[in-house]
């Protein structure tokens, strides 16, 4: 809940909107709570690792826009890989 809530708040910070900070933070916490209730904690950990790797690679470019895109792409790729591995693991 905290991770997705913080993500929502940071979206509001980037867009300079206190209202959006509150709304996106609350929505993020709701989605995070739902994912935790459904048992998706490993999935979120994989996404966090992907975001960190993507951000580290994007940081080397020296441009904020590339950093944001690289972090998002790293999270998306890690999510796809985690989903694939979870499906593969269940078919044993």
N, C-alpha and C. Protein backbone atom coordinates (compact mmCIF):
# COMPACT_ATOMS: atom_id res chain seq x y z
N UNK A 1 0.82 -1.19 0.00
CA UNK A 1 0.00 0.00 0.00
C UNK A 1 0.87 1.26 0.00
N UNK A 2 1.90 1.22 0.82
CA UNK A 2 2.77 2.39 0.92
C UNK A 2 3.50 2.69 -0.37
N UNK A 3 3.95 1.63 -1.03
CA UNK A 3 4.70 1.81 -2.28
C UNK A 3 3.84 2.45 -3.36
N UNK A 4 2.67 1.92 -3.58
CA UNK A 4 1.81 2.47 -4.63
C UNK A 4 1.23 3.82 -4.22
N UNK A 5 0.98 4.01 -2.93
CA UNK A 5 0.54 5.31 -2.45
C UNK A 5 1.60 6.37 -2.67
N UNK A 6 2.86 6.03 -2.37
CA UNK A 6 3.96 6.95 -2.59
C UNK A 6 4.12 7.26 -4.08
N UNK A 7 3.93 6.27 -4.92
CA UNK A 7 4.00 6.50 -6.37
C UNK A 7 2.95 7.52 -6.80
N UNK A 8 1.75 7.39 -6.28
CA UNK A 8 0.69 8.35 -6.59
C UNK A 8 1.03 9.75 -6.12
N UNK A 9 1.58 9.86 -4.93
CA UNK A 9 1.96 11.17 -4.41
C UNK A 9 3.05 11.79 -5.28
N UNK A 10 4.01 10.98 -5.69
CA UNK A 10 5.09 11.50 -6.53
C UNK A 10 4.59 11.95 -7.90
N UNK A 11 3.57 11.29 -8.42
CA UNK A 11 2.96 11.75 -9.67
C UNK A 11 2.40 13.16 -9.47
N UNK A 12 1.74 13.38 -8.35
CA UNK A 12 1.23 14.72 -8.05
C UNK A 12 2.32 15.75 -7.87
N UNK A 13 3.45 15.32 -7.30
CA UNK A 13 4.59 16.24 -7.12
C UNK A 13 5.16 16.65 -8.48
N UNK A 14 5.32 15.69 -9.37
CA UNK A 14 5.86 15.98 -10.70
C UNK A 14 4.93 16.94 -11.46
N UNK A 15 3.62 16.78 -11.28
CA UNK A 15 2.66 17.63 -11.98
C UNK A 15 2.31 18.90 -11.21
N UNK A 16 2.92 19.11 -10.04
CA UNK A 16 2.72 20.32 -9.21
C UNK A 16 1.25 20.52 -8.85
N UNK A 17 0.59 19.46 -8.41
CA UNK A 17 -0.82 19.55 -8.08
C UNK A 17 -1.09 18.89 -6.72
N UNK A 18 -1.37 19.66 -5.68
CA UNK A 18 -1.68 19.05 -4.37
C UNK A 18 -2.94 18.18 -4.41
N UNK A 19 -3.92 18.58 -5.19
CA UNK A 19 -5.14 17.77 -5.30
C UNK A 19 -4.82 16.42 -5.93
N UNK A 20 -4.04 16.44 -7.00
CA UNK A 20 -3.66 15.19 -7.66
C UNK A 20 -2.80 14.32 -6.74
N UNK A 21 -1.97 14.96 -5.90
CA UNK A 21 -1.17 14.19 -4.93
C UNK A 21 -2.08 13.40 -4.01
N UNK A 22 -3.13 14.03 -3.51
CA UNK A 22 -4.04 13.36 -2.58
C UNK A 22 -4.85 12.27 -3.28
N UNK A 23 -5.39 12.59 -4.45
CA UNK A 23 -6.23 11.62 -5.17
C UNK A 23 -5.40 10.43 -5.64
N UNK A 24 -4.27 10.69 -6.30
CA UNK A 24 -3.45 9.60 -6.82
C UNK A 24 -2.84 8.78 -5.67
N UNK A 25 -2.49 9.44 -4.57
CA UNK A 25 -1.97 8.71 -3.41
C UNK A 25 -3.01 7.78 -2.81
N UNK A 26 -4.25 8.26 -2.69
CA UNK A 26 -5.33 7.42 -2.16
C UNK A 26 -5.64 6.26 -3.10
N UNK A 27 -5.69 6.54 -4.40
CA UNK A 27 -5.94 5.46 -5.36
C UNK A 27 -4.80 4.44 -5.34
N UNK A 28 -3.57 4.91 -5.24
CA UNK A 28 -2.43 4.01 -5.17
C UNK A 28 -2.49 3.12 -3.94
N UNK A 29 -2.87 3.70 -2.81
CA UNK A 29 -2.99 2.89 -1.59
C UNK A 29 -4.10 1.85 -1.73
N UNK A 30 -5.19 2.23 -2.39
CA UNK A 30 -6.28 1.27 -2.60
C UNK A 30 -5.85 0.11 -3.49
N UNK A 31 -5.16 0.43 -4.57
CA UNK A 31 -4.70 -0.63 -5.47
C UNK A 31 -3.64 -1.49 -4.77
N UNK A 32 -2.75 -0.87 -4.00
CA UNK A 32 -1.74 -1.62 -3.26
C UNK A 32 -2.37 -2.55 -2.23
N UNK A 33 -3.39 -2.08 -1.55
CA UNK A 33 -4.10 -2.94 -0.59
C UNK A 33 -4.78 -4.11 -1.28
N UNK A 34 -5.37 -3.85 -2.43
CA UNK A 34 -6.02 -4.93 -3.18
C UNK A 34 -5.00 -5.97 -3.64
N UNK A 35 -3.86 -5.50 -4.17
CA UNK A 35 -2.83 -6.44 -4.61
C UNK A 35 -2.28 -7.26 -3.44
N UNK A 36 -2.07 -6.61 -2.30
CA UNK A 36 -1.60 -7.33 -1.13
C UNK A 36 -2.62 -8.36 -0.66
N UNK A 37 -3.89 -8.00 -0.70
CA UNK A 37 -4.95 -8.92 -0.29
C UNK A 37 -5.03 -10.12 -1.24
N UNK A 38 -4.76 -9.87 -2.52
CA UNK A 38 -4.80 -10.96 -3.49
C UNK A 38 -3.52 -11.80 -3.49
N UNK A 39 -2.50 -11.36 -2.77
CA UNK A 39 -1.27 -12.14 -2.67
C UNK A 39 -0.23 -11.80 -3.71
N UNK A 40 -0.19 -10.58 -4.18
CA UNK A 40 0.74 -10.19 -5.23
C UNK A 40 2.00 -9.52 -4.72
N UNK A 41 2.43 -9.87 -3.52
CA UNK A 41 3.60 -9.19 -2.95
C UNK A 41 4.87 -9.51 -3.72
N UNK A 42 5.07 -10.75 -4.12
CA UNK A 42 6.26 -11.10 -4.90
C UNK A 42 6.27 -10.38 -6.23
N UNK A 43 5.11 -10.23 -6.81
CA UNK A 43 4.97 -9.53 -8.08
C UNK A 43 5.41 -8.08 -7.93
N UNK A 44 4.97 -7.41 -6.86
CA UNK A 44 5.36 -6.02 -6.64
C UNK A 44 6.85 -5.88 -6.34
N UNK A 45 7.42 -6.84 -5.65
CA UNK A 45 8.86 -6.80 -5.38
C UNK A 45 9.63 -6.89 -6.70
N UNK A 46 9.18 -7.76 -7.60
CA UNK A 46 9.84 -7.88 -8.90
C UNK A 46 9.74 -6.57 -9.68
N UNK A 47 8.60 -5.92 -9.62
CA UNK A 47 8.42 -4.64 -10.31
C UNK A 47 9.34 -3.58 -9.71
N UNK A 48 9.46 -3.55 -8.39
CA UNK A 48 10.34 -2.58 -7.73
C UNK A 48 11.79 -2.78 -8.15
N UNK A 49 12.22 -4.02 -8.23
CA UNK A 49 13.59 -4.30 -8.66
C UNK A 49 13.78 -3.84 -10.10
N UNK A 50 12.80 -4.09 -10.96
CA UNK A 50 12.88 -3.64 -12.35
C UNK A 50 12.93 -2.13 -12.46
N UNK A 51 12.15 -1.44 -11.64
CA UNK A 51 12.18 0.03 -11.65
C UNK A 51 13.55 0.54 -11.21
N UNK A 52 14.11 -0.07 -10.19
CA UNK A 52 15.43 0.37 -9.72
C UNK A 52 16.52 0.13 -10.77
N UNK A 53 16.47 -1.02 -11.42
CA UNK A 53 17.46 -1.29 -12.48
C UNK A 53 17.28 -0.33 -13.65
N UNK A 54 16.02 -0.12 -14.06
CA UNK A 54 15.76 0.82 -15.15
C UNK A 54 16.18 2.24 -14.80
N UNK A 55 15.91 2.66 -13.57
CA UNK A 55 16.30 4.00 -13.14
C UNK A 55 17.82 4.14 -13.10
N UNK A 56 18.50 3.10 -12.65
CA UNK A 56 19.97 3.15 -12.61
C UNK A 56 20.54 3.28 -14.02
N UNK A 57 19.97 2.55 -14.96
CA UNK A 57 20.44 2.64 -16.34
C UNK A 57 20.07 3.99 -16.97
N UNK A 58 18.87 4.48 -16.69
CA UNK A 58 18.44 5.76 -17.24
C UNK A 58 19.18 6.94 -16.64
N UNK A 59 19.61 6.81 -15.40
CA UNK A 59 20.34 7.88 -14.74
C UNK A 59 21.66 8.19 -15.46
N UNK A 60 22.24 7.17 -16.04
CA UNK A 60 23.51 7.34 -16.72
C UNK A 60 23.38 8.22 -17.96
N UNK A 61 22.17 8.35 -18.50
CA UNK A 61 21.97 9.20 -19.67
C UNK A 61 22.05 10.69 -19.31
N UNK A 62 21.76 11.02 -18.07
CA UNK A 62 21.85 12.40 -17.63
C UNK A 62 20.64 13.26 -17.96
N UNK A 63 19.56 12.68 -18.44
CA UNK A 63 18.35 13.42 -18.79
C UNK A 63 17.19 12.90 -17.94
N UNK A 64 16.43 13.82 -17.33
CA UNK A 64 15.33 13.41 -16.46
C UNK A 64 14.24 12.64 -17.20
N UNK A 65 13.95 13.04 -18.44
CA UNK A 65 12.91 12.35 -19.21
C UNK A 65 13.31 10.92 -19.51
N UNK A 66 14.56 10.70 -19.85
CA UNK A 66 15.04 9.34 -20.12
C UNK A 66 15.03 8.52 -18.84
N UNK A 67 15.37 9.13 -17.71
CA UNK A 67 15.32 8.45 -16.42
C UNK A 67 13.92 7.94 -16.12
N UNK A 68 12.92 8.80 -16.32
CA UNK A 68 11.53 8.42 -16.05
C UNK A 68 11.08 7.30 -16.99
N UNK A 69 11.41 7.42 -18.27
CA UNK A 69 11.00 6.38 -19.23
C UNK A 69 11.71 5.06 -18.96
N UNK A 70 12.99 5.12 -18.60
CA UNK A 70 13.75 3.90 -18.32
C UNK A 70 13.22 3.21 -17.07
N UNK A 71 12.87 3.98 -16.04
CA UNK A 71 12.33 3.39 -14.82
C UNK A 71 10.98 2.73 -15.10
N UNK A 72 10.13 3.40 -15.86
CA UNK A 72 8.83 2.81 -16.20
C UNK A 72 8.97 1.56 -17.05
N UNK A 73 9.89 1.61 -18.01
CA UNK A 73 10.12 0.45 -18.87
C UNK A 73 10.68 -0.72 -18.07
N UNK A 74 11.60 -0.43 -17.15
CA UNK A 74 12.15 -1.50 -16.30
C UNK A 74 11.08 -2.14 -15.45
N UNK A 75 10.18 -1.33 -14.89
CA UNK A 75 9.07 -1.88 -14.09
C UNK A 75 8.12 -2.71 -14.92
N UNK A 76 7.82 -2.24 -16.14
CA UNK A 76 6.92 -3.00 -17.01
C UNK A 76 7.54 -4.33 -17.42
N UNK A 77 8.80 -4.30 -17.81
CA UNK A 77 9.46 -5.55 -18.22
C UNK A 77 9.55 -6.52 -17.06
N UNK A 78 9.88 -6.02 -15.87
CA UNK A 78 9.95 -6.90 -14.70
C UNK A 78 8.57 -7.47 -14.38
N UNK A 79 7.52 -6.67 -14.57
CA UNK A 79 6.17 -7.18 -14.34
C UNK A 79 5.80 -8.29 -15.31
N UNK A 80 6.16 -8.11 -16.57
CA UNK A 80 5.89 -9.16 -17.56
C UNK A 80 6.66 -10.43 -17.24
N UNK A 81 7.93 -10.27 -16.88
CA UNK A 81 8.75 -11.44 -16.56
C UNK A 81 8.22 -12.13 -15.31
N UNK A 82 7.84 -11.36 -14.29
CA UNK A 82 7.30 -11.95 -13.06
C UNK A 82 6.00 -12.69 -13.33
N UNK A 83 5.16 -12.11 -14.18
CA UNK A 83 3.90 -12.77 -14.53
C UNK A 83 4.16 -14.08 -15.27
N UNK A 84 5.10 -14.05 -16.22
CA UNK A 84 5.44 -15.26 -16.97
C UNK A 84 5.99 -16.33 -16.05
N UNK A 85 6.92 -15.96 -15.16
CA UNK A 85 7.50 -16.94 -14.25
C UNK A 85 6.46 -17.50 -13.28
N UNK A 86 5.53 -16.66 -12.84
CA UNK A 86 4.48 -17.13 -11.93
C UNK A 86 3.57 -18.15 -12.64
N UNK A 87 3.23 -17.89 -13.89
CA UNK A 87 2.41 -18.83 -14.64
C UNK A 87 3.18 -20.13 -14.89
N UNK A 88 4.47 -20.01 -15.21
CA UNK A 88 5.29 -21.18 -15.46
C UNK A 88 5.44 -22.02 -14.19
N UNK A 89 5.58 -21.36 -13.06
CA UNK A 89 5.76 -22.04 -11.77
C UNK A 89 4.51 -22.82 -11.38
N UNK A 90 3.33 -22.31 -11.70
CA UNK A 90 2.08 -22.96 -11.33
C UNK A 90 1.78 -24.19 -12.16
N UNK A 91 2.40 -24.36 -13.32
CA UNK A 91 2.09 -25.48 -14.20
C UNK A 91 2.90 -26.73 -13.90
N UNK A 92 3.67 -26.73 -12.85
CA UNK A 92 4.48 -27.91 -12.50
C UNK A 92 3.61 -29.08 -12.17
